[in-house]
Protein backbone atom coordinates (compact mmCIF):
# COMPACT_ATOMS: atom_id res chain seq x y z
CA UNK A 1 -38.90 -12.03 -1.32
CA UNK A 2 -38.47 -11.25 -5.03
CA UNK A 3 -35.91 -14.05 -5.30
CA UNK A 4 -38.36 -16.53 -3.75
CA UNK A 5 -41.10 -15.50 -6.20
CA UNK A 6 -38.61 -15.95 -9.04
CA UNK A 7 -37.84 -19.48 -7.93
CA UNK A 8 -41.55 -20.29 -7.60
CA UNK A 9 -42.19 -18.92 -11.10
CA UNK A 10 -39.32 -20.92 -12.61
CA UNK A 11 -40.48 -24.07 -10.81
CA UNK A 12 -44.04 -23.53 -12.11
CA UNK A 13 -42.82 -23.10 -15.69
CA UNK A 14 -40.75 -26.29 -15.44
CA UNK A 15 -43.72 -28.27 -14.06
CA UNK A 16 -46.02 -27.02 -16.83
CA UNK A 17 -43.35 -27.87 -19.43
CA UNK A 18 -42.98 -31.40 -18.11
CA UNK A 19 -46.76 -31.93 -18.09
CA UNK A 20 -47.13 -30.66 -21.66
CA UNK A 21 -44.18 -32.77 -22.83
CA UNK A 22 -45.62 -35.85 -21.15
CA UNK A 23 -48.97 -35.25 -22.86
CA UNK A 24 -47.38 -35.19 -26.32
CA UNK A 25 -45.22 -38.24 -25.61
CA UNK A 26 -48.31 -40.23 -24.60
CA UNK A 27 -50.05 -39.28 -27.85
CA UNK A 28 -47.00 -40.36 -29.81
CA UNK A 29 -46.92 -43.81 -28.23
CA UNK A 30 -50.58 -44.36 -29.11
CA UNK A 31 -49.64 -44.45 -32.79
CA UNK A 32 -47.72 -47.70 -32.26
CA UNK A 33 -49.45 -50.90 -33.29
CA UNK A 34 -48.27 -52.70 -30.17
CA UNK A 35 -48.18 -52.12 -26.43
CA UNK A 36 -46.75 -53.96 -23.46
CA UNK A 37 -49.34 -56.75 -23.73
CA UNK A 38 -51.30 -56.22 -26.96
CA UNK A 39 -50.66 -56.04 -30.70
CA UNK A 40 -52.83 -54.75 -33.56
CA UNK A 41 -52.81 -56.30 -37.04
CA UNK A 42 -54.68 -54.74 -39.96
CA UNK A 43 -55.85 -56.86 -42.89
CA UNK A 44 -57.88 -56.39 -46.05
CA UNK A 45 -61.22 -58.18 -46.28
CA UNK A 46 -61.16 -61.18 -48.61
CA UNK A 47 -63.67 -59.52 -50.96
CA UNK A 48 -61.50 -56.37 -51.12
CA UNK A 49 -64.35 -54.11 -49.98
CA UNK A 50 -62.60 -52.79 -46.89
CA UNK A 51 -60.21 -53.32 -44.02
CA UNK A 52 -60.41 -54.77 -40.52
CA UNK A 53 -58.25 -55.09 -37.45
CA UNK A 54 -57.34 -57.87 -35.06
CA UNK A 55 -56.02 -57.43 -31.54
CA UNK A 56 -53.77 -60.09 -30.04
CA UNK A 57 -52.49 -60.69 -26.56
CA UNK A 58 -49.34 -62.68 -27.14
CA UNK A 59 -50.32 -65.19 -29.80
CA UNK A 60 -54.02 -65.29 -28.78
CA UNK A 61 -56.57 -63.47 -30.92
CA UNK A 62 -58.82 -61.37 -28.66
CA UNK A 63 -60.75 -59.21 -31.12
CA UNK A 64 -61.45 -59.51 -34.82
CA UNK A 65 -63.34 -56.36 -35.87
CA UNK A 66 -64.47 -56.60 -39.50
CA UNK A 67 -66.87 -53.66 -39.38
CA UNK A 68 -66.69 -50.15 -37.94
CA UNK A 69 -67.72 -50.42 -34.28
CA UNK A 70 -70.23 -48.02 -32.76
CA UNK A 71 -72.24 -47.34 -35.94
CA UNK A 72 -75.42 -48.87 -37.28
CA UNK A 73 -75.29 -51.40 -40.05
CA UNK A 74 -72.31 -53.26 -41.40
CA UNK A 75 -69.87 -50.57 -42.54
CA UNK A 76 -66.28 -51.31 -43.50
CA UNK A 77 -63.13 -49.33 -42.81
CA UNK A 78 -62.20 -47.65 -46.09
CA UNK A 79 -58.43 -47.76 -45.53
CA UNK A 80 -55.88 -49.69 -43.54
CA UNK A 81 -55.00 -46.41 -41.79
CA UNK A 82 -58.59 -46.01 -40.53
CA UNK A 83 -58.68 -49.59 -39.26
CA UNK A 84 -55.33 -49.13 -37.53
CA UNK A 85 -56.41 -45.88 -35.83
CA UNK A 86 -59.41 -47.55 -34.21
CA UNK A 87 -57.50 -50.75 -33.48
CA UNK A 88 -54.87 -48.73 -31.62
CA UNK A 89 -57.63 -46.83 -29.77
CA UNK A 90 -59.21 -50.11 -28.64
CA UNK A 91 -55.81 -51.57 -27.74
CA UNK A 92 -55.06 -48.48 -25.64
CA UNK A 93 -58.37 -48.91 -23.79
CA UNK A 94 -57.58 -52.56 -23.10
CA UNK A 95 -54.14 -51.58 -21.83
CA UNK A 96 -55.73 -49.05 -19.45
CA UNK A 97 -58.36 -51.63 -18.38
CA UNK A 98 -61.24 -49.64 -19.88
CA UNK A 99 -64.10 -51.39 -21.69
CA UNK A 100 -63.16 -51.15 -25.38
CA UNK A 101 -66.34 -49.48 -26.62
CA UNK A 102 -65.94 -47.04 -29.51
CA UNK A 103 -68.28 -44.05 -29.75
CA UNK A 104 -69.27 -41.99 -32.77
CA UNK A 105 -67.49 -39.04 -31.18
CA UNK A 106 -64.25 -41.06 -31.06
CA UNK A 107 -64.73 -42.10 -34.69
CA UNK A 108 -65.23 -38.44 -35.65
CA UNK A 109 -62.15 -37.37 -33.71
CA UNK A 110 -60.11 -39.99 -35.60
CA UNK A 111 -61.57 -38.75 -38.93
CA UNK A 112 -63.16 -42.12 -39.73
CA UNK A 113 -65.58 -41.94 -42.66
CA UNK A 114 -68.93 -43.60 -41.86
CA UNK A 115 -72.66 -43.11 -42.44
CA UNK A 116 -74.98 -42.31 -39.53
């Protein structure tokens, strides 16, 4: 009986390890600027006041987001890194067939600087 419990414990530890590893691998792939179907490009605004992202499917432009989504007013991304973070978030939602809305909570969790 003790041997059986040992096997069950080892199996449980392996399952938990695989689940945790899978979780971190998924987060790592989200940092890419491309997926199976979509691609994110980040560009600086022509006036130099901020950054924006574009999302492509193949060679077709799907989204051109020049302002921070989900906030009031017309606020710009302050860095190309900020624009890329949200572009990758939106691309990931498209990939998972989720409406690509961005909430203030998601902006906060990505450390995006914006005014309420």
